Amino acid sequence: MSTTKNKLSKDQQEALLTVLQKRFEENTHRHKDLDWNKIQSKLEANPQKLGSLDEMERTEGEPDVIGYDKKTDEYIFVDCAPESPKGRRSICYDHEALEKRKENKPKDSAINMAEEMGIEILSEEQYRELQQLEKFDTKTSSWIKTPADIRKLGGALFSDFRYNTVFVYHNGADSYYAARGFRGMLKV
């Protein structure tokens, strides 16, 4: 899936692992009972996934571990920046929407960026689960995976957290706003 070309040097890998470990240790409420040493071993064995995490970090997503899938033996990293990642805002939903705009095109789309980074955009269910850990997107919003029937009609979904509630809204897939980006997930 990943098309990221971000090959990290040994020093870059070590610097990223240090940042991730610090965030992991400072936010234990996101991943109770998980062992950083096991996670680090998995990361070191998957340099391409480290490259994806580096892209998440570079675009200000502040990725952190939020769970472990026993069935697949994978740790789940998600963007945990308080607001939608700054380096991924002002983008429309997907490539089709980007091509549809004739004037004032955004620089990219959420789906394109996620694919290039080697990550997945969050579904509504995943977004709601993330909001159980702490409150995100209280001033911004994030595109979420849109069902095909809605997308076929030109729409796309986004979510945010207001009034102590997770809201899911719709917009034209070709729309873009300075306060809307997307959150991604990576399984390692």
C-alpha atoms as a PDB file:
ATOM      1  CA  MET A   1       0.000   0.000   0.000  1.00  0.00           C
ATOM      2  CA  SER A   2       2.691   2.466   0.926  1.00  0.00           C
ATOM      3  CA  THR A   3       4.274   4.546  -1.767  1.00  0.00           C
ATOM      4  CA  THR A   4       6.346   6.556   0.679  1.00  0.00           C
ATOM      5  CA  LYS A   5       9.923   6.920  -0.492  1.00  0.00           C
ATOM      6  CA  ASN A   6      11.056   8.149   2.885  1.00  0.00           C
ATOM      7  CA  LYS A   7      14.097   6.012   3.668  1.00  0.00           C
ATOM      8  CA  LEU A   8      15.488   7.057   7.002  1.00  0.00           C
ATOM      9  CA  SER A   9      19.147   7.017   7.905  1.00  0.00           C
ATOM     10  CA  LYS A  10      20.188   5.280  11.116  1.00  0.00           C
ATOM     11  CA  ASP A  11      20.399   8.669  12.879  1.00  0.00           C
ATOM     12  CA  GLN A  12      16.945   9.669  11.621  1.00  0.00           C
ATOM     13  CA  GLN A  13      15.518   6.342  12.802  1.00  0.00           C
ATOM     14  CA  GLU A  14      17.037   6.794  16.250  1.00  0.00           C
ATOM     15  CA  ALA A  15      15.760  10.387  16.496  1.00  0.00           C
ATOM     16  CA  LEU A  16      12.241   9.310  15.499  1.00  0.00           C
ATOM     17  CA  LEU A  17      12.253   6.378  17.941  1.00  0.00           C
ATOM     18  CA  THR A  18      13.299   8.763  20.724  1.00  0.00           C
ATOM     19  CA  VAL A  19      10.374  11.097  19.936  1.00  0.00           C
ATOM     20  CA  LEU A  20       7.911   8.193  19.740  1.00  0.00           C
ATOM     21  CA  GLN A  21       9.162   6.639  22.983  1.00  0.00           C
ATOM     22  CA  LYS A  22       8.892   9.964  24.830  1.00  0.00           C
ATOM     23  CA  ARG A  23       5.330  10.484  23.578  1.00  0.00           C
ATOM     24  CA  PHE A  24       4.484   6.870  24.490  1.00  0.00           C
ATOM     25  CA  GLU A  25       5.792   7.332  28.045  1.00  0.00           C
ATOM     26  CA  GLU A  26       4.031  10.694  28.514  1.00  0.00           C
ATOM     27  CA  ASN A  27       0.627   9.383  27.375  1.00  0.00           C
ATOM     28  CA  THR A  28       0.179   6.003  29.048  1.00  0.00           C
ATOM     29  CA  HIS A  29      -3.615   6.515  29.177  1.00  0.00           C
ATOM     30  CA  ARG A  30      -3.635   5.827  25.414  1.00  0.00           C
ATOM     31  CA  HIS A  31      -2.040   2.384  25.674  1.00  0.00           C
ATOM     32  CA  LYS A  32      -2.322   0.742  29.069  1.00  0.00           C
ATOM     33  CA  ASP A  33      -0.379  -2.492  29.501  1.00  0.00           C
ATOM     34  CA  LEU A  34       1.721  -2.150  26.332  1.00  0.00           C
ATOM     35  CA  ASP A  35       5.498  -2.532  26.430  1.00  0.00           C
ATOM     36  CA  TRP A  36       7.582   0.021  24.508  1.00  0.00           C
ATOM     37  CA  ASN A  37      10.469  -2.436  24.011  1.00  0.00           C
ATOM     38  CA  LYS A  38       8.206  -4.811  22.036  1.00  0.00           C
ATOM     39  CA  ILE A  39       6.897  -1.926  19.962  1.00  0.00           C
ATOM     40  CA  GLN A  40      10.401  -0.634  19.254  1.00  0.00           C
ATOM     41  CA  SER A  41      11.532  -4.099  18.125  1.00  0.00           C
ATOM     42  CA  LYS A  42       8.623  -4.241  15.663  1.00  0.00           C
ATOM     43  CA  LEU A  43       9.441  -0.756  14.381  1.00  0.00           C
ATOM     44  CA  GLU A  44      13.123  -1.543  13.897  1.00  0.00           C
ATOM     45  CA  ALA A  45      12.148  -4.635  11.903  1.00  0.00           C
ATOM     46  CA  ASN A  46       9.914  -2.531   9.613  1.00  0.00           C
ATOM     47  CA  PRO A  47      11.915   0.420   8.212  1.00  0.00           C
ATOM     48  CA  GLN A  48       9.196   1.272   5.648  1.00  0.00           C
ATOM     49  CA  LYS A  49       6.671   1.679   8.471  1.00  0.00           C
ATOM     50  CA  LEU A  50       9.171   3.868  10.309  1.00  0.00           C
ATOM     51  CA  GLY A  51       9.249   6.007   7.158  1.00  0.00           C
ATOM     52  CA  SER A  52       5.453   6.310   7.299  1.00  0.00           C
ATOM     53  CA  LEU A  53       5.598   7.282  10.975  1.00  0.00           C
ATOM     54  CA  ASP A  54       8.224   9.870  10.115  1.00  0.00           C
ATOM     55  CA  GLU A  55       5.831  11.370   7.551  1.00  0.00           C
ATOM     56  CA  MET A  56       3.069  11.419  10.178  1.00  0.00           C
ATOM     57  CA  GLU A  57       5.452  13.235  12.528  1.00  0.00           C
ATOM     58  CA  ARG A  58       6.758  15.614   9.823  1.00  0.00           C
ATOM     59  CA  THR A  59       3.205  16.716   8.994  1.00  0.00           C
ATOM     60  CA  GLU A  60       2.570  17.365  12.724  1.00  0.00           C
ATOM     61  CA  GLY A  61       0.293  14.400  13.412  1.00  0.00           C
ATOM     62  CA  GLU A  62       2.074  13.418  16.643  1.00  0.00           C
ATOM     63  CA  PRO A  63       1.551   9.664  16.101  1.00  0.00           C
ATOM     64  CA  ASP A  64       1.196   7.472  19.177  1.00  0.00           C
ATOM     65  CA  VAL A  65       0.241   3.884  19.940  1.00  0.00           C
ATOM     66  CA  ILE A  66      -3.434   3.553  20.824  1.00  0.00           C
ATOM     67  CA  GLY A  67      -3.823  -0.218  20.798  1.00  0.00           C
ATOM     68  CA  TYR A  68      -2.692  -3.701  19.910  1.00  0.00           C
ATOM     69  CA  ASP A  69      -4.485  -6.134  17.596  1.00  0.00           C
ATOM     70  CA  LYS A  70      -3.923  -9.628  19.010  1.00  0.00           C
ATOM     71  CA  LYS A  71      -5.292 -11.335  15.892  1.00  0.00           C
ATOM     72  CA  THR A  72      -2.766  -9.732  13.571  1.00  0.00           C
ATOM     73  CA  ASP A  73      -0.016  -9.119  16.160  1.00  0.00           C
ATOM     74  CA  GLU A  74       0.111  -5.445  15.191  1.00  0.00           C
ATOM     75  CA  TYR A  75       0.431  -2.233  17.179  1.00  0.00           C
ATOM     76  CA  ILE A  76      -1.889   0.574  16.104  1.00  0.00           C
ATOM     77  CA  PHE A  77      -0.468   4.084  15.689  1.00  0.00           C
ATOM     78  CA  VAL A  78      -2.831   7.037  15.145  1.00  0.00           C
ATOM     79  CA  ASP A  79      -2.306  10.784  14.822  1.00  0.00           C
ATOM     80  CA  CYS A  80      -2.820  12.163  18.332  1.00  0.00           C
ATOM     81  CA  ALA A  81      -2.160  15.867  17.729  1.00  0.00           C
ATOM     82  CA  PRO A  82      -4.806  17.862  19.612  1.00  0.00           C
ATOM     83  CA  GLU A  83      -6.051  19.386  16.349  1.00  0.00           C
ATOM     84  CA  SER A  84      -6.094  18.047  12.793  1.00  0.00           C
ATOM     85  CA  PRO A  85      -2.436  17.813  11.671  1.00  0.00           C
ATOM     86  CA  LYS A  86      -1.240  21.208  10.411  1.00  0.00           C
ATOM     87  CA  GLY A  87       0.802  19.751   7.571  1.00  0.00           C
ATOM     88  CA  ARG A  88      -2.305  18.058   6.128  1.00  0.00           C
ATOM     89  CA  ARG A  89      -4.889  20.832   6.069  1.00  0.00           C
ATOM     90  CA  SER A  90      -6.477  22.780   3.211  1.00  0.00           C
ATOM     91  CA  ILE A  91      -6.953  19.618   1.169  1.00  0.00           C
ATOM     92  CA  CYS A  92     -10.004  18.127  -0.509  1.00  0.00           C
ATOM     93  CA  TYR A  93     -11.149  14.528   0.028  1.00  0.00           C
ATOM     94  CA  ASP A  94      -9.732  12.487  -2.881  1.00  0.00           C
ATOM     95  CA  HIS A  95      -8.057  12.630  -6.284  1.00  0.00           C
ATOM     96  CA  GLU A  96     -11.356  12.679  -8.179  1.00  0.00           C
ATOM     97  CA  ALA A  97     -12.446  15.745  -6.202  1.00  0.00           C
ATOM     98  CA  LEU A  98      -9.066  17.395  -6.783  1.00  0.00           C
ATOM     99  CA  GLU A  99      -9.368  16.864 -10.542  1.00  0.00           C
ATOM    100  CA  LYS A 100     -12.953  18.161 -10.532  1.00  0.00           C
ATOM    101  CA  ARG A 101     -11.905  21.597  -9.278  1.00  0.00           C
ATOM    102  CA  LYS A 102     -11.071  23.862 -12.178  1.00  0.00           C
ATOM    103  CA  GLU A 103     -10.120  26.954 -10.136  1.00  0.00           C
ATOM    104  CA  ASN A 104      -8.484  27.445  -6.752  1.00  0.00           C
ATOM    105  CA  LYS A 105      -7.383  23.838  -6.482  1.00  0.00           C
ATOM    106  CA  PRO A 106      -6.038  22.705  -3.128  1.00  0.00           C
ATOM    107  CA  LYS A 107      -2.476  21.401  -3.045  1.00  0.00           C
ATOM    108  CA  ASP A 108      -3.565  17.772  -2.567  1.00  0.00           C
ATOM    109  CA  SER A 109      -6.249  15.449  -1.231  1.00  0.00           C
ATOM    110  CA  ALA A 110      -6.569  13.461   1.985  1.00  0.00           C
ATOM    111  CA  ILE A 111      -6.705  10.092   0.222  1.00  0.00           C
ATOM    112  CA  ASN A 112      -3.687  10.877  -2.001  1.00  0.00           C
ATOM    113  CA  MET A 113      -1.613  12.090   0.946  1.00  0.00           C
ATOM    114  CA  ALA A 114      -2.510   9.059   3.075  1.00  0.00           C
ATOM    115  CA  GLU A 115      -1.527   6.675   0.268  1.00  0.00           C
ATOM    116  CA  GLU A 116       1.764   8.493  -0.331  1.00  0.00           C
ATOM    117  CA  MET A 117       2.506   8.350   3.401  1.00  0.00           C
ATOM    118  CA  GLY A 118       1.628   4.654   3.611  1.00  0.00           C
ATOM    119  CA  ILE A 119      -1.168   5.197   6.141  1.00  0.00           C
ATOM    120  CA  GLU A 120      -4.955   4.847   6.193  1.00  0.00           C
ATOM    121  CA  ILE A 121      -7.445   7.627   6.790  1.00  0.00           C
ATOM    122  CA  LEU A 122      -9.638   6.936   9.851  1.00  0.00           C
ATOM    123  CA  SER A 123     -13.144   5.533   9.484  1.00  0.00           C
ATOM    124  CA  GLU A 124     -16.030   6.988  11.477  1.00  0.00           C
ATOM    125  CA  GLU A 125     -15.800   4.103  13.946  1.00  0.00           C
ATOM    126  CA  GLN A 126     -12.036   4.553  14.396  1.00  0.00           C
ATOM    127  CA  TYR A 127     -12.480   8.305  14.826  1.00  0.00           C
ATOM    128  CA  ARG A 128     -15.102   7.748  17.544  1.00  0.00           C
ATOM    129  CA  GLU A 129     -12.823   5.224  19.303  1.00  0.00           C
ATOM    130  CA  LEU A 130      -9.963   7.754  19.250  1.00  0.00           C
ATOM    131  CA  GLN A 131     -12.223  10.344  20.881  1.00  0.00           C
ATOM    132  CA  GLN A 132     -12.720   7.928  23.818  1.00  0.00           C
ATOM    133  CA  LEU A 133      -9.032   8.352  24.744  1.00  0.00           C
ATOM    134  CA  GLU A 134      -9.123  12.156  24.908  1.00  0.00           C
ATOM    135  CA  LYS A 135     -10.756  14.996  23.042  1.00  0.00           C
ATOM    136  CA  PHE A 136      -9.386  15.831  19.585  1.00  0.00           C
ATOM    137  CA  ASP A 137     -10.410  18.361  16.922  1.00  0.00           C
ATOM    138  CA  THR A 138     -12.136  20.805  19.263  1.00  0.00           C
ATOM    139  CA  LYS A 139     -11.223  23.695  16.921  1.00  0.00           C
ATOM    140  CA  THR A 140     -10.561  21.857  13.639  1.00  0.00           C
ATOM    141  CA  SER A 141     -12.115  18.968  11.716  1.00  0.00           C
ATOM    142  CA  SER A 142     -10.806  15.858   9.957  1.00  0.00           C
ATOM    143  CA  TRP A 143     -11.889  14.064   6.796  1.00  0.00           C
ATOM    144  CA  ILE A 144     -12.925  10.444   7.493  1.00  0.00           C
ATOM    145  CA  LYS A 145     -13.444   7.461   5.172  1.00  0.00           C
ATOM    146  CA  THR A 146     -16.584   8.058   3.190  1.00  0.00           C
ATOM    147  CA  PRO A 147     -18.955   5.262   2.147  1.00  0.00           C
ATOM    148  CA  ALA A 148     -18.956   4.652  -1.627  1.00  0.00           C
ATOM    149  CA  ASP A 149     -22.644   5.521  -2.047  1.00  0.00           C
ATOM    150  CA  ILE A 150     -22.099   8.989  -0.533  1.00  0.00           C
ATOM    151  CA  ARG A 151     -18.895   9.535  -2.477  1.00  0.00           C
ATOM    152  CA  LYS A 152     -20.568   8.502  -5.750  1.00  0.00           C
ATOM    153  CA  LEU A 153     -23.009  11.385  -5.259  1.00  0.00           C
ATOM    154  CA  GLY A 154     -20.144  13.892  -4.809  1.00  0.00           C
ATOM    155  CA  GLY A 155     -20.092  14.051  -1.021  1.00  0.00           C
ATOM    156  CA  ALA A 156     -17.523  13.236   1.642  1.00  0.00           C
ATOM    157  CA  LEU A 157     -17.626  12.977   5.433  1.00  0.00           C
ATOM    158  CA  PHE A 158     -15.663  14.771   8.107  1.00  0.00           C
ATOM    159  CA  SER A 159     -15.791  14.816  11.904  1.00  0.00           C
ATOM    160  CA  ASP A 160     -14.947  16.990  14.865  1.00  0.00           C
ATOM    161  CA  PHE A 161     -15.623  17.259  18.584  1.00  0.00           C
ATOM    162  CA  ARG A 162     -17.892  20.033  19.854  1.00  0.00           C
ATOM    163  CA  TYR A 163     -20.299  20.393  22.789  1.00  0.00           C
ATOM    164  CA  ASN A 164     -18.911  17.210  24.348  1.00  0.00           C
ATOM    165  CA  THR A 165     -20.042  15.247  21.276  1.00  0.00           C
ATOM    166  CA  VAL A 166     -18.444  13.701  18.179  1.00  0.00           C
ATOM    167  CA  PHE A 167     -20.172  15.108  15.116  1.00  0.00           C
ATOM    168  CA  VAL A 168     -20.090  13.628  11.618  1.00  0.00           C
ATOM    169  CA  TYR A 169     -20.900  16.019   8.797  1.00  0.00           C
ATOM    170  CA  HIS A 170     -20.932  16.065   5.019  1.00  0.00           C
ATOM    171  CA  ASN A 171     -19.477  18.414   2.457  1.00  0.00           C
ATOM    172  CA  GLY A 172     -18.708  18.345  -1.227  1.00  0.00           C
ATOM    173  CA  ALA A 173     -15.631  16.159  -1.651  1.00  0.00           C
ATOM    174  CA  ASP A 174     -13.950  18.970  -3.587  1.00  0.00           C
ATOM    175  CA  SER A 175     -14.265  21.453  -0.713  1.00  0.00           C
ATOM    176  CA  TYR A 176     -11.303  22.369   1.441  1.00  0.00           C
ATOM    177  CA  TYR A 177     -10.749  24.532   4.488  1.00  0.00           C
ATOM    178  CA  ALA A 178      -7.761  25.821   6.424  1.00  0.00           C
ATOM    179  CA  ALA A 179      -9.024  24.072   9.557  1.00  0.00           C
ATOM    180  CA  ARG A 180      -9.720  20.654   7.978  1.00  0.00           C
ATOM    181  CA  GLY A 181      -7.162  17.922   7.432  1.00  0.00           C
ATOM    182  CA  PHE A 182      -7.181  14.218   8.207  1.00  0.00           C
ATOM    183  CA  ARG A 183      -5.962  11.774  10.832  1.00  0.00           C
ATOM    184  CA  GLY A 184      -4.204   8.610   9.819  1.00  0.00           C
ATOM    185  CA  MET A 185      -3.577   5.149  11.178  1.00  0.00           C
ATOM    186  CA  LEU A 186      -0.650   2.788  10.735  1.00  0.00           C
ATOM    187  CA  LYS A 187      -0.450  -0.820  11.910  1.00  0.00           C
ATOM    188  CA  VAL A 188       2.991  -2.207  12.689  1.00  0.00           C
END
